[in-house]
């Protein structure tokens, strides 16, 4: 009798295992959404194969000059209806900030970005935004006017531009994110959080000093 009961119970084991795997996958999906990876950014884990960046304290990662990867081709319409191509800024230090008008941390950091952009323009620094997840331009236009943003922002409501970042690079996979690009068009640093004035300058000034 006991052996028959054992035989009857065996089919339940695969079902239990499948339920356990399903629970783990659900947890991973939830954690990915919470980390901001649901923004449409690609490239997998920032620490993937071939990546040689140094994880920084406070959420800012940096890459040694010899190990930097090129910024992908990014171009398209801006929030104010113009067209830009980031390749035109080669030779400048580029600060690329991903933001949304609906994003409270983006609002908190924007005054610091505006101040740094105005102060470093003469040093050959160009700030550019990527506006993401605003279904229409009106809230984004209002946001830029409110904060008197002096630089252009690519309009990217679906996150397609972030999909162009290569796997293993310091890709912007959260909102807000800020990517720092050296004068040779290579990704030098990335922040996956809102930045204050001191953090901005601490990351930016060494790139300005590079020749």
N, C-alpha and C. Protein backbone atom coordinates (compact mmCIF):
# COMPACT_ATOMS: atom_id res chain seq x y z
N UNK A 1 0.82 -1.20 0.00
CA UNK A 1 0.00 0.00 0.00
C UNK A 1 0.86 1.26 0.00
N UNK A 2 1.92 1.28 0.84
CA UNK A 2 2.78 2.47 0.93
C UNK A 2 3.47 2.76 -0.39
N UNK A 3 3.89 1.68 -1.12
CA UNK A 3 4.56 1.89 -2.39
C UNK A 3 3.62 2.49 -3.42
N UNK A 4 2.33 2.08 -3.38
CA UNK A 4 1.37 2.65 -4.30
C UNK A 4 1.17 4.15 -4.04
N UNK A 5 1.11 4.51 -2.75
CA UNK A 5 0.96 5.93 -2.41
C UNK A 5 2.16 6.73 -2.88
N UNK A 6 3.35 6.14 -2.75
CA UNK A 6 4.55 6.83 -3.20
C UNK A 6 4.52 7.08 -4.70
N UNK A 7 4.03 6.05 -5.46
CA UNK A 7 3.94 6.19 -6.90
C UNK A 7 2.96 7.28 -7.28
N UNK A 8 1.86 7.37 -6.51
CA UNK A 8 0.86 8.39 -6.83
C UNK A 8 1.39 9.80 -6.56
N UNK A 9 2.30 9.94 -5.62
CA UNK A 9 2.79 11.26 -5.26
C UNK A 9 3.88 11.78 -6.20
N UNK A 10 4.55 10.88 -6.89
CA UNK A 10 5.68 11.30 -7.72
C UNK A 10 5.31 12.32 -8.79
N UNK A 11 4.15 12.19 -9.45
CA UNK A 11 3.82 13.19 -10.48
C UNK A 11 3.72 14.61 -9.94
N UNK A 12 3.51 14.77 -8.62
CA UNK A 12 3.37 16.11 -8.05
C UNK A 12 4.70 16.84 -7.95
N UNK A 13 5.82 16.10 -7.94
CA UNK A 13 7.12 16.73 -7.74
C UNK A 13 7.50 17.68 -8.88
N UNK A 14 7.35 17.27 -10.15
CA UNK A 14 7.65 18.20 -11.24
C UNK A 14 6.80 19.46 -11.16
N UNK A 15 5.52 19.28 -10.77
CA UNK A 15 4.64 20.44 -10.67
C UNK A 15 5.14 21.40 -9.61
N UNK A 16 5.60 20.87 -8.48
CA UNK A 16 6.14 21.71 -7.41
C UNK A 16 7.39 22.44 -7.86
N UNK A 17 8.23 21.73 -8.60
CA UNK A 17 9.46 22.35 -9.10
C UNK A 17 9.16 23.48 -10.07
N UNK A 18 8.17 23.27 -10.95
CA UNK A 18 7.80 24.30 -11.90
C UNK A 18 7.25 25.54 -11.21
N UNK A 19 6.45 25.32 -10.17
CA UNK A 19 5.91 26.44 -9.40
C UNK A 19 7.02 27.24 -8.74
N UNK A 20 8.03 26.53 -8.23
CA UNK A 20 9.16 27.20 -7.58
C UNK A 20 9.94 28.04 -8.58
N UNK A 21 10.19 27.47 -9.78
CA UNK A 21 10.91 28.21 -10.81
C UNK A 21 10.12 29.43 -11.24
N UNK A 22 8.80 29.27 -11.37
CA UNK A 22 7.95 30.39 -11.75
C UNK A 22 8.01 31.51 -10.74
N UNK A 23 8.05 31.15 -9.46
CA UNK A 23 8.12 32.17 -8.41
C UNK A 23 9.43 32.93 -8.48
N UNK A 24 10.53 32.22 -8.76
CA UNK A 24 11.84 32.87 -8.87
C UNK A 24 11.85 33.84 -10.05
N UNK A 25 11.33 33.39 -11.21
CA UNK A 25 11.30 34.25 -12.39
C UNK A 25 10.46 35.49 -12.15
N UNK A 26 9.32 35.32 -11.48
CA UNK A 26 8.46 36.46 -11.17
C UNK A 26 9.19 37.46 -10.30
N UNK A 27 9.94 36.95 -9.34
CA UNK A 27 10.71 37.84 -8.47
C UNK A 27 11.76 38.61 -9.23
N UNK A 28 12.43 37.96 -10.19
CA UNK A 28 13.44 38.63 -10.99
C UNK A 28 12.83 39.72 -11.84
N UNK A 29 11.66 39.44 -12.42
CA UNK A 29 10.99 40.44 -13.23
C UNK A 29 10.61 41.65 -12.41
N UNK A 30 10.10 41.41 -11.20
CA UNK A 30 9.71 42.51 -10.33
C UNK A 30 10.91 43.34 -9.94
N UNK A 31 12.04 42.69 -9.62
CA UNK A 31 13.22 43.43 -9.22
C UNK A 31 13.78 44.23 -10.39
N UNK A 32 13.69 43.70 -11.62
CA UNK A 32 14.18 44.43 -12.79
C UNK A 32 13.37 45.69 -13.01
N UNK A 33 12.05 45.60 -12.87
CA UNK A 33 11.21 46.77 -13.04
C UNK A 33 11.53 47.82 -11.99
N UNK A 34 11.78 47.38 -10.78
CA UNK A 34 12.09 48.30 -9.70
C UNK A 34 13.42 48.99 -9.88
N UNK A 35 14.36 48.35 -10.57
CA UNK A 35 15.69 48.93 -10.74
C UNK A 35 15.75 49.91 -11.88
N UNK A 36 14.67 50.01 -12.64
CA UNK A 36 14.65 50.92 -13.76
C UNK A 36 15.01 50.26 -15.07
N UNK A 37 15.22 48.95 -15.10
CA UNK A 37 15.61 48.29 -16.33
C UNK A 37 14.43 48.14 -17.28
N UNK A 38 13.24 48.44 -16.83
CA UNK A 38 12.08 48.40 -17.70
C UNK A 38 11.95 49.63 -18.57
N UNK A 39 12.96 50.51 -18.59
CA UNK A 39 12.89 51.72 -19.38
C UNK A 39 13.11 51.46 -20.86
N UNK A 40 13.48 50.23 -21.21
CA UNK A 40 13.76 49.95 -22.61
C UNK A 40 15.25 49.89 -22.88
N UNK A 41 16.09 50.11 -21.89
CA UNK A 41 17.52 50.04 -22.11
C UNK A 41 17.95 48.61 -22.29
N UNK A 42 18.97 48.43 -23.12
CA UNK A 42 19.46 47.08 -23.38
C UNK A 42 20.92 47.00 -23.02
N UNK A 43 21.47 45.81 -23.24
CA UNK A 43 22.88 45.61 -22.97
C UNK A 43 23.11 44.71 -21.81
N UNK A 44 22.04 44.24 -21.17
CA UNK A 44 22.19 43.28 -20.09
C UNK A 44 22.80 43.91 -18.88
N UNK A 45 23.37 43.07 -18.03
CA UNK A 45 23.99 43.52 -16.80
C UNK A 45 25.18 44.42 -17.12
N UNK A 46 25.30 45.53 -16.38
CA UNK A 46 26.38 46.47 -16.65
C UNK A 46 27.73 45.86 -16.37
N UNK A 47 27.76 44.76 -15.66
CA UNK A 47 29.03 44.10 -15.38
C UNK A 47 29.24 42.90 -16.26
N UNK A 48 28.68 42.91 -17.47
CA UNK A 48 28.75 41.76 -18.36
C UNK A 48 30.14 41.54 -18.91
N UNK A 49 30.25 40.53 -19.76
CA UNK A 49 31.53 40.14 -20.32
C UNK A 49 32.19 41.29 -21.05
N UNK A 50 33.47 41.49 -20.80
CA UNK A 50 34.23 42.52 -21.49
C UNK A 50 34.18 43.87 -20.80
N UNK A 51 33.41 44.01 -19.74
CA UNK A 51 33.31 45.29 -19.05
C UNK A 51 34.44 45.42 -18.06
N UNK A 52 35.11 46.58 -18.06
CA UNK A 52 36.22 46.81 -17.15
C UNK A 52 36.06 48.13 -16.42
N UNK A 53 34.84 48.44 -16.03
CA UNK A 53 34.66 49.68 -15.28
C UNK A 53 34.87 49.43 -13.80
N UNK A 54 35.12 50.50 -13.10
CA UNK A 54 35.35 50.43 -11.66
C UNK A 54 34.09 50.91 -10.96
N UNK A 55 33.38 50.02 -10.25
CA UNK A 55 32.18 50.46 -9.53
C UNK A 55 32.53 51.54 -8.53
N UNK A 56 31.87 52.68 -8.65
CA UNK A 56 32.16 53.79 -7.77
C UNK A 56 31.22 53.82 -6.58
N UNK A 57 31.60 54.57 -5.58
CA UNK A 57 30.73 54.75 -4.43
C UNK A 57 29.61 55.70 -4.81
N UNK A 58 28.44 55.47 -4.27
CA UNK A 58 27.33 56.37 -4.53
C UNK A 58 26.68 56.21 -5.88
N UNK A 59 26.93 55.09 -6.55
CA UNK A 59 26.22 54.82 -7.80
C UNK A 59 26.83 55.44 -9.04
N UNK A 60 28.10 55.85 -9.00
CA UNK A 60 28.78 56.38 -10.18
C UNK A 60 29.92 55.43 -10.55
N UNK A 61 29.85 54.88 -11.77
CA UNK A 61 30.86 53.95 -12.26
C UNK A 61 31.75 54.65 -13.27
N UNK A 62 33.06 54.32 -13.26
CA UNK A 62 34.01 54.96 -14.15
C UNK A 62 34.82 53.91 -14.91
N UNK A 63 35.31 54.31 -16.07
CA UNK A 63 36.10 53.41 -16.91
C UNK A 63 37.48 54.01 -17.12
N UNK A 64 38.52 53.20 -16.98
CA UNK A 64 39.87 53.65 -17.28
C UNK A 64 39.95 54.06 -18.75
N UNK A 65 40.78 55.03 -19.05
CA UNK A 65 40.83 55.60 -20.40
C UNK A 65 41.10 54.54 -21.47
N UNK A 66 41.92 53.56 -21.16
CA UNK A 66 42.28 52.53 -22.15
C UNK A 66 41.14 51.54 -22.42
N UNK A 67 40.17 51.49 -21.53
CA UNK A 67 39.11 50.48 -21.65
C UNK A 67 37.75 51.05 -22.07
N UNK A 68 37.71 52.29 -22.44
CA UNK A 68 36.43 52.92 -22.77
C UNK A 68 35.88 52.46 -24.11
N UNK A 69 34.54 52.35 -24.17
CA UNK A 69 33.86 51.93 -25.40
C UNK A 69 33.20 53.14 -26.05
N UNK A 70 33.10 53.14 -27.38
CA UNK A 70 32.53 54.31 -28.06
C UNK A 70 31.03 54.46 -27.80
N UNK A 71 30.61 55.71 -27.75
CA UNK A 71 29.19 56.01 -27.65
C UNK A 71 28.52 55.57 -28.95
N UNK A 72 27.37 54.91 -28.87
CA UNK A 72 26.68 54.52 -30.11
C UNK A 72 26.17 55.75 -30.87
N UNK A 73 25.83 55.55 -32.12
CA UNK A 73 25.26 56.63 -32.93
C UNK A 73 23.89 57.02 -32.38
N UNK A 74 23.75 58.26 -32.01
CA UNK A 74 22.49 58.75 -31.46
C UNK A 74 22.12 60.05 -32.17
N UNK A 75 20.96 60.05 -32.76
CA UNK A 75 20.48 61.24 -33.47
C UNK A 75 18.96 61.20 -33.53
N UNK A 76 18.36 62.33 -33.89
CA UNK A 76 16.92 62.35 -34.03
C UNK A 76 16.34 63.70 -33.66
N UNK A 77 15.00 63.75 -33.58
CA UNK A 77 14.32 65.01 -33.24
C UNK A 77 14.48 65.35 -31.77
N UNK A 78 14.47 66.63 -31.50
CA UNK A 78 14.55 67.11 -30.12
C UNK A 78 13.18 67.50 -29.60
N UNK A 79 13.10 67.76 -28.32
CA UNK A 79 11.84 68.16 -27.69
C UNK A 79 11.30 69.43 -28.34
N UNK A 80 12.21 70.34 -28.76
CA UNK A 80 11.75 71.59 -29.37
C UNK A 80 11.63 71.52 -30.88
N UNK A 81 11.66 70.30 -31.44
CA UNK A 81 11.35 70.12 -32.85
C UNK A 81 12.52 70.24 -33.81
N UNK A 82 13.73 70.34 -33.31
CA UNK A 82 14.90 70.40 -34.18
C UNK A 82 15.47 69.00 -34.38
N UNK A 83 16.57 68.89 -35.09
CA UNK A 83 17.26 67.61 -35.31
C UNK A 83 18.70 67.75 -34.85
N UNK A 84 19.21 66.77 -34.11
CA UNK A 84 20.61 66.80 -33.71
C UNK A 84 21.23 65.42 -33.91
N UNK A 85 22.54 65.42 -34.06
CA UNK A 85 23.33 64.19 -34.17
C UNK A 85 24.50 64.34 -33.19
N UNK A 86 24.61 63.43 -32.24
CA UNK A 86 25.65 63.56 -31.22
C UNK A 86 27.06 63.43 -31.81
N UNK A 87 27.18 62.88 -32.99
CA UNK A 87 28.49 62.80 -33.65
C UNK A 87 29.05 64.19 -33.91
N UNK A 88 28.18 65.18 -34.02
CA UNK A 88 28.62 66.56 -34.27
C UNK A 88 29.34 67.16 -33.06
N UNK A 89 29.21 66.52 -31.91
CA UNK A 89 29.84 67.05 -30.69
C UNK A 89 31.17 66.37 -30.37
N UNK A 90 31.65 65.54 -31.27
CA UNK A 90 32.95 64.90 -31.03
C UNK A 90 34.03 65.98 -30.90
N UNK A 91 34.92 65.81 -29.94
CA UNK A 91 35.89 66.83 -29.62
C UNK A 91 35.51 67.61 -28.38
N UNK A 92 34.26 67.45 -27.96
CA UNK A 92 33.77 68.04 -26.73
C UNK A 92 33.57 66.94 -25.68
N UNK A 93 33.60 67.31 -24.42
CA UNK A 93 33.17 66.40 -23.37
C UNK A 93 31.64 66.45 -23.37
N UNK A 94 31.02 65.28 -23.44
CA UNK A 94 29.57 65.20 -23.57
C UNK A 94 28.96 64.63 -22.29
N UNK A 95 27.93 65.30 -21.80
CA UNK A 95 27.17 64.82 -20.65
C UNK A 95 25.76 64.52 -21.13
N UNK A 96 25.40 63.25 -21.10
CA UNK A 96 24.13 62.78 -21.64
C UNK A 96 23.21 62.36 -20.49
N UNK A 97 22.14 63.11 -20.30
CA UNK A 97 21.24 62.87 -19.16
C UNK A 97 19.87 62.37 -19.64
N UNK A 98 19.45 61.21 -19.12
CA UNK A 98 18.14 60.64 -19.44
C UNK A 98 17.14 61.13 -18.39
N UNK A 99 16.03 61.70 -18.83
CA UNK A 99 15.06 62.28 -17.91
C UNK A 99 13.64 62.14 -18.43
N UNK A 100 12.69 62.36 -17.54
CA UNK A 100 11.28 62.41 -17.91
C UNK A 100 10.60 63.51 -17.11
N UNK A 101 9.63 64.17 -17.69
CA UNK A 101 8.95 65.26 -17.00
C UNK A 101 8.17 64.77 -15.79
N UNK A 102 7.81 63.49 -15.79
CA UNK A 102 7.01 62.86 -14.73
C UNK A 102 7.88 62.37 -13.57
N UNK A 103 9.19 62.49 -13.70
CA UNK A 103 10.16 61.86 -12.78
C UNK A 103 10.59 62.86 -11.71
N UNK A 104 10.21 62.60 -10.46
CA UNK A 104 10.56 63.50 -9.36
C UNK A 104 12.06 63.64 -9.15
N UNK A 105 12.86 62.57 -9.17
CA UNK A 105 14.31 62.72 -9.05
C UNK A 105 14.91 63.54 -10.18
N UNK A 106 14.31 63.47 -11.38
CA UNK A 106 14.80 64.28 -12.50
C UNK A 106 14.60 65.77 -12.20
N UNK A 107 13.48 66.10 -11.61
CA UNK A 107 13.21 67.49 -11.23
C UNK A 107 14.21 67.95 -10.17
N UNK A 108 14.56 67.06 -9.26
CA UNK A 108 15.47 67.42 -8.18
C UNK A 108 16.88 67.71 -8.70
N UNK A 109 17.33 66.95 -9.71
CA UNK A 109 18.70 67.14 -10.19
C UNK A 109 18.84 68.18 -11.28
N UNK A 110 17.74 68.55 -11.93
CA UNK A 110 17.83 69.43 -13.08
C UNK A 110 18.50 70.78 -12.79
N UNK A 111 18.23 71.44 -11.67
CA UNK A 111 18.94 72.71 -11.41
C UNK A 111 20.46 72.54 -11.37
N UNK A 112 20.94 71.40 -10.89
CA UNK A 112 22.38 71.15 -10.84
C UNK A 112 22.94 70.94 -12.26
N UNK A 113 22.19 70.23 -13.09
CA UNK A 113 22.62 70.02 -14.47
C UNK A 113 22.67 71.34 -15.23
N UNK A 114 21.64 72.16 -15.06
CA UNK A 114 21.59 73.46 -15.73
C UNK A 114 22.77 74.34 -15.31
N UNK A 115 23.04 74.38 -14.02
CA UNK A 115 24.16 75.19 -13.50
C UNK A 115 25.49 74.71 -14.07
N UNK A 116 25.70 73.38 -14.04
CA UNK A 116 26.96 72.83 -14.57
C UNK A 116 27.09 73.07 -16.07
N UNK A 117 25.99 72.95 -16.79
CA UNK A 117 26.03 73.18 -18.24
C UNK A 117 26.44 74.62 -18.55
N UNK A 118 25.89 75.57 -17.82
CA UNK A 118 26.23 76.98 -18.04
C UNK A 118 27.68 77.28 -17.65
N UNK A 119 28.14 76.64 -16.58
CA UNK A 119 29.49 76.94 -16.07
C UNK A 119 30.60 76.29 -16.89
N UNK A 120 30.30 75.18 -17.56
CA UNK A 120 31.36 74.43 -18.25
C UNK A 120 31.33 74.57 -19.77
N UNK A 121 30.41 75.32 -20.29
CA UNK A 121 30.32 75.47 -21.75
C UNK A 121 31.62 76.00 -22.33
N UNK A 122 32.24 76.96 -21.64
CA UNK A 122 33.50 77.55 -22.13
C UNK A 122 34.66 76.56 -22.06
N UNK A 123 34.50 75.48 -21.31
CA UNK A 123 35.54 74.45 -21.18
C UNK A 123 35.39 73.35 -22.22
N UNK A 124 34.48 73.54 -23.17
CA UNK A 124 34.29 72.53 -24.21
C UNK A 124 33.40 71.38 -23.78
N UNK A 125 32.43 71.67 -22.92
CA UNK A 125 31.49 70.64 -22.45
C UNK A 125 30.12 70.89 -23.08
N UNK A 126 29.52 69.84 -23.58
CA UNK A 126 28.18 69.91 -24.15
C UNK A 126 27.24 68.97 -23.40
N UNK A 127 26.18 69.51 -22.85
CA UNK A 127 25.15 68.71 -22.22
C UNK A 127 24.06 68.42 -23.26
N UNK A 128 23.53 67.21 -23.22
CA UNK A 128 22.40 66.81 -24.07
C UNK A 128 21.48 65.93 -23.23
N UNK A 129 20.19 66.14 -23.35
CA UNK A 129 19.24 65.28 -22.66
C UNK A 129 18.64 64.23 -23.57
N UNK A 130 18.11 63.18 -22.97
CA UNK A 130 17.25 62.23 -23.68
C UNK A 130 15.95 62.17 -22.89
N UNK A 131 14.91 62.73 -23.45
CA UNK A 131 13.61 62.72 -22.79
C UNK A 131 12.92 61.40 -23.09
N UNK A 132 12.54 60.67 -22.03
CA UNK A 132 11.99 59.33 -22.21
C UNK A 132 10.66 59.18 -21.49
N UNK A 133 9.77 58.39 -22.09
CA UNK A 133 8.49 58.01 -21.52
C UNK A 133 7.50 59.16 -21.35
N UNK A 134 7.70 60.21 -22.10
CA UNK A 134 6.67 61.25 -22.20
C UNK A 134 5.91 60.99 -23.50
N UNK A 135 4.65 60.52 -23.43
CA UNK A 135 3.92 60.14 -24.64
C UNK A 135 3.74 61.28 -25.63
N UNK A 136 3.67 62.51 -25.16
CA UNK A 136 3.66 63.65 -26.06
C UNK A 136 4.63 64.70 -25.54
N UNK A 137 4.96 65.66 -26.39
CA UNK A 137 6.03 66.59 -26.07
C UNK A 137 5.63 67.70 -25.10
N UNK A 138 4.35 67.96 -24.97
CA UNK A 138 3.91 69.12 -24.19
C UNK A 138 4.47 69.15 -22.76
N UNK A 139 4.39 68.05 -21.98
CA UNK A 139 4.96 68.10 -20.63
C UNK A 139 6.47 68.30 -20.64
N UNK A 140 7.15 67.73 -21.64
CA UNK A 140 8.61 67.87 -21.74
C UNK A 140 8.98 69.32 -22.06
N UNK A 141 8.24 69.95 -22.97
CA UNK A 141 8.48 71.35 -23.31
C UNK A 141 8.28 72.24 -22.09
N UNK A 142 7.21 71.97 -21.35
CA UNK A 142 6.93 72.74 -20.12
C UNK A 142 8.06 72.56 -19.10
N UNK A 143 8.55 71.35 -18.96
CA UNK A 143 9.64 71.03 -18.04
C UNK A 143 10.89 71.85 -18.40
N UNK A 144 11.25 71.87 -19.67
CA UNK A 144 12.45 72.59 -20.11
C UNK A 144 12.32 74.09 -19.88
N UNK A 145 11.13 74.62 -20.10
CA UNK A 145 10.91 76.05 -19.87
C UNK A 145 10.98 76.38 -18.37
N UNK A 146 10.39 75.51 -17.57
CA UNK A 146 10.36 75.74 -16.12
C UNK A 146 11.77 75.82 -15.55
N UNK A 147 12.66 74.93 -16.00
CA UNK A 147 14.02 74.87 -15.46
C UNK A 147 15.03 75.65 -16.31
N UNK A 148 14.54 76.29 -17.38
CA UNK A 148 15.41 77.08 -18.26
C UNK A 148 16.60 76.26 -18.74
N UNK A 149 16.30 75.08 -19.25
CA UNK A 149 17.34 74.16 -19.72
C UNK A 149 18.01 74.76 -20.95
N UNK A 150 19.33 74.97 -20.91
CA UNK A 150 20.01 75.66 -22.01
C UNK A 150 20.49 74.75 -23.13
N UNK A 151 20.27 73.46 -23.01
CA UNK A 151 20.79 72.51 -23.98
C UNK A 151 19.66 71.67 -24.57
N UNK A 152 19.89 71.03 -25.73
CA UNK A 152 18.83 70.25 -26.38
C UNK A 152 18.61 68.90 -25.73
N UNK A 153 17.43 68.36 -25.94
CA UNK A 153 17.11 66.99 -25.49
C UNK A 153 16.47 66.22 -26.63
N UNK A 154 17.06 65.07 -26.94
CA UNK A 154 16.44 64.16 -27.91
C UNK A 154 15.11 63.67 -27.36
N UNK A 155 14.12 63.61 -28.21
CA UNK A 155 12.80 63.12 -27.79
C UNK A 155 12.70 61.64 -28.08
N UNK A 156 12.64 60.83 -27.03
CA UNK A 156 12.72 59.36 -27.15
C UNK A 156 11.66 58.71 -26.27
N UNK A 157 10.39 58.86 -26.62
CA UNK A 157 9.31 58.38 -25.73
C UNK A 157 9.29 56.88 -25.50
N UNK A 158 9.82 56.09 -26.42
CA UNK A 158 9.78 54.63 -26.28
C UNK A 158 11.09 54.03 -25.80
N UNK A 159 12.13 54.83 -25.63
CA UNK A 159 13.41 54.31 -25.16
C UNK A 159 14.24 53.64 -26.24
N UNK A 160 13.94 53.90 -27.51
CA UNK A 160 14.66 53.21 -28.59
C UNK A 160 16.13 53.61 -28.65
N UNK A 161 16.44 54.85 -28.29
CA UNK A 161 17.84 55.29 -28.35
C UNK A 161 18.69 54.55 -27.33
N UNK A 162 18.12 54.25 -26.18
CA UNK A 162 18.88 53.54 -25.15
C UNK A 162 19.18 52.10 -25.56
N UNK A 163 18.38 51.58 -26.49
CA UNK A 163 18.63 50.22 -27.00
C UNK A 163 19.91 50.14 -27.83
N UNK A 164 20.44 51.28 -28.24
CA UNK A 164 21.61 51.28 -29.11
C UNK A 164 22.93 51.13 -28.35
N UNK A 165 22.88 51.26 -27.04
CA UNK A 165 24.12 51.13 -26.27
C UNK A 165 24.62 49.69 -26.30
N UNK A 166 25.90 49.48 -26.55
CA UNK A 166 26.42 48.11 -26.69
C UNK A 166 26.42 47.35 -25.38
N UNK A 167 26.28 46.05 -25.49
CA UNK A 167 26.34 45.18 -24.33
C UNK A 167 27.70 45.31 -23.66
N UNK A 168 27.68 45.40 -22.33
CA UNK A 168 28.91 45.54 -21.59
C UNK A 168 29.37 46.97 -21.40
N UNK A 169 28.66 47.92 -22.04
CA UNK A 169 29.03 49.32 -21.85
C UNK A 169 28.29 49.88 -20.64
N UNK A 170 28.67 51.06 -20.24
CA UNK A 170 27.95 51.73 -19.15
C UNK A 170 26.70 52.36 -19.74
N UNK A 171 25.70 51.55 -19.96
CA UNK A 171 24.48 52.01 -20.61
C UNK A 171 23.52 52.65 -19.61
N UNK A 172 22.73 53.63 -20.04
CA UNK A 172 21.77 54.28 -19.15
C UNK A 172 20.52 53.44 -19.02
N UNK A 173 20.40 52.65 -17.97
CA UNK A 173 19.28 51.73 -17.83
C UNK A 173 18.36 52.10 -16.68
N UNK A 174 18.31 53.37 -16.36
CA UNK A 174 17.38 53.85 -15.34
C UNK A 174 17.03 55.29 -15.69
N UNK A 175 16.00 55.79 -15.08
CA UNK A 175 15.61 57.19 -15.22
C UNK A 175 15.54 57.79 -13.82
N UNK A 176 16.40 58.77 -13.48
CA UNK A 176 17.40 59.38 -14.36
C UNK A 176 18.69 58.58 -14.42
N UNK A 177 19.40 58.75 -15.52
CA UNK A 177 20.77 58.27 -15.68
C UNK A 177 21.58 59.38 -16.32
N UNK A 178 22.88 59.40 -16.06
CA UNK A 178 23.76 60.36 -16.72
C UNK A 178 25.01 59.63 -17.20
N UNK A 179 25.31 59.80 -18.48
CA UNK A 179 26.49 59.18 -19.10
C UNK A 179 27.48 60.29 -19.46
N UNK A 180 28.74 60.09 -19.10
CA UNK A 180 29.80 61.06 -19.37
C UNK A 180 30.68 60.51 -20.49
N UNK A 181 30.89 61.30 -21.53
CA UNK A 181 31.62 60.86 -22.72
C UNK A 181 32.84 61.76 -22.91
N UNK A 182 34.00 61.15 -23.16
CA UNK A 182 35.22 61.95 -23.32
C UNK A 182 35.29 62.60 -24.70
N UNK A 183 36.35 63.36 -24.93
CA UNK A 183 36.47 64.14 -26.17
C UNK A 183 36.63 63.26 -27.41
N UNK A 184 36.97 61.99 -27.21
CA UNK A 184 37.11 61.06 -28.33
C UNK A 184 35.82 60.27 -28.58
N UNK A 185 34.75 60.64 -27.91
CA UNK A 185 33.47 59.98 -28.14
C UNK A 185 33.33 58.65 -27.45
N UNK A 186 34.07 58.45 -26.34
CA UNK A 186 34.02 57.17 -25.62
C UNK A 186 33.39 57.35 -24.25
N UNK A 187 32.62 56.35 -23.84
CA UNK A 187 31.92 56.42 -22.55
C UNK A 187 32.92 56.28 -21.41
N UNK A 188 32.96 57.29 -20.54
CA UNK A 188 33.94 57.33 -19.47
C UNK A 188 33.35 57.07 -18.10
N UNK A 189 32.07 57.38 -17.91
CA UNK A 189 31.44 57.21 -16.60
C UNK A 189 29.93 57.19 -16.76
N UNK A 190 29.27 56.68 -15.71
CA UNK A 190 27.81 56.61 -15.72
C UNK A 190 27.28 56.69 -14.30
N UNK A 191 26.20 57.42 -14.14
CA UNK A 191 25.49 57.48 -12.86
C UNK A 191 24.07 56.99 -13.06
N UNK A 192 23.62 56.07 -12.21
CA UNK A 192 22.25 55.55 -12.28
C UNK A 192 21.43 56.14 -11.13
N UNK A 193 21.50 57.44 -11.00
CA UNK A 193 20.80 58.12 -9.91
C UNK A 193 20.81 59.61 -10.19
N UNK A 194 19.99 60.40 -9.49
CA UNK A 194 20.08 61.85 -9.63
C UNK A 194 21.39 62.36 -9.05
N UNK A 195 21.95 63.38 -9.68
CA UNK A 195 23.24 63.90 -9.27
C UNK A 195 23.14 65.29 -8.66
N UNK A 196 23.95 65.52 -7.65
CA UNK A 196 24.09 66.85 -7.08
C UNK A 196 25.24 67.59 -7.76
N UNK A 197 25.39 68.86 -7.42
CA UNK A 197 26.41 69.68 -8.07
C UNK A 197 27.82 69.15 -7.81
N UNK A 198 28.11 68.74 -6.59
CA UNK A 198 29.45 68.27 -6.26
C UNK A 198 29.79 66.99 -7.01
N UNK A 199 28.82 66.06 -7.11
CA UNK A 199 29.05 64.80 -7.82
C UNK A 199 29.27 65.05 -9.30
N UNK A 200 28.50 65.96 -9.85
CA UNK A 200 28.65 66.29 -11.27
C UNK A 200 30.06 66.79 -11.57
N UNK A 201 30.52 67.76 -10.79
CA UNK A 201 31.81 68.36 -11.06
C UNK A 201 32.96 67.39 -10.77
N UNK A 202 32.78 66.54 -9.76
CA UNK A 202 33.82 65.57 -9.42
C UNK A 202 34.03 64.57 -10.55
N UNK A 203 32.96 64.25 -11.29
CA UNK A 203 33.06 63.33 -12.40
C UNK A 203 33.48 64.04 -13.67
N UNK A 204 33.02 65.25 -13.84
CA UNK A 204 33.22 66.00 -15.07
C UNK A 204 34.60 66.65 -15.18
N UNK A 205 35.09 67.20 -14.09
CA UNK A 205 36.35 67.96 -14.13
C UNK A 205 37.55 67.15 -14.63
N UNK A 206 37.70 65.86 -14.22
CA UNK A 206 38.83 65.09 -14.76
C UNK A 206 38.75 64.89 -16.27
N UNK A 207 37.54 64.81 -16.80
CA UNK A 207 37.37 64.66 -18.26
C UNK A 207 37.71 65.96 -18.98
N UNK A 208 37.38 67.08 -18.36
CA UNK A 208 37.75 68.38 -18.94
C UNK A 208 39.26 68.51 -19.00
N UNK A 209 39.93 67.98 -17.97
CA UNK A 209 41.39 68.10 -17.87
C UNK A 209 42.13 67.18 -18.85
N UNK A 210 41.46 66.13 -19.35
CA UNK A 210 42.12 65.22 -20.29
C UNK A 210 42.39 65.92 -21.61
N UNK A 211 43.52 65.64 -22.20
CA UNK A 211 43.89 66.23 -23.48
C UNK A 211 44.08 65.17 -24.55
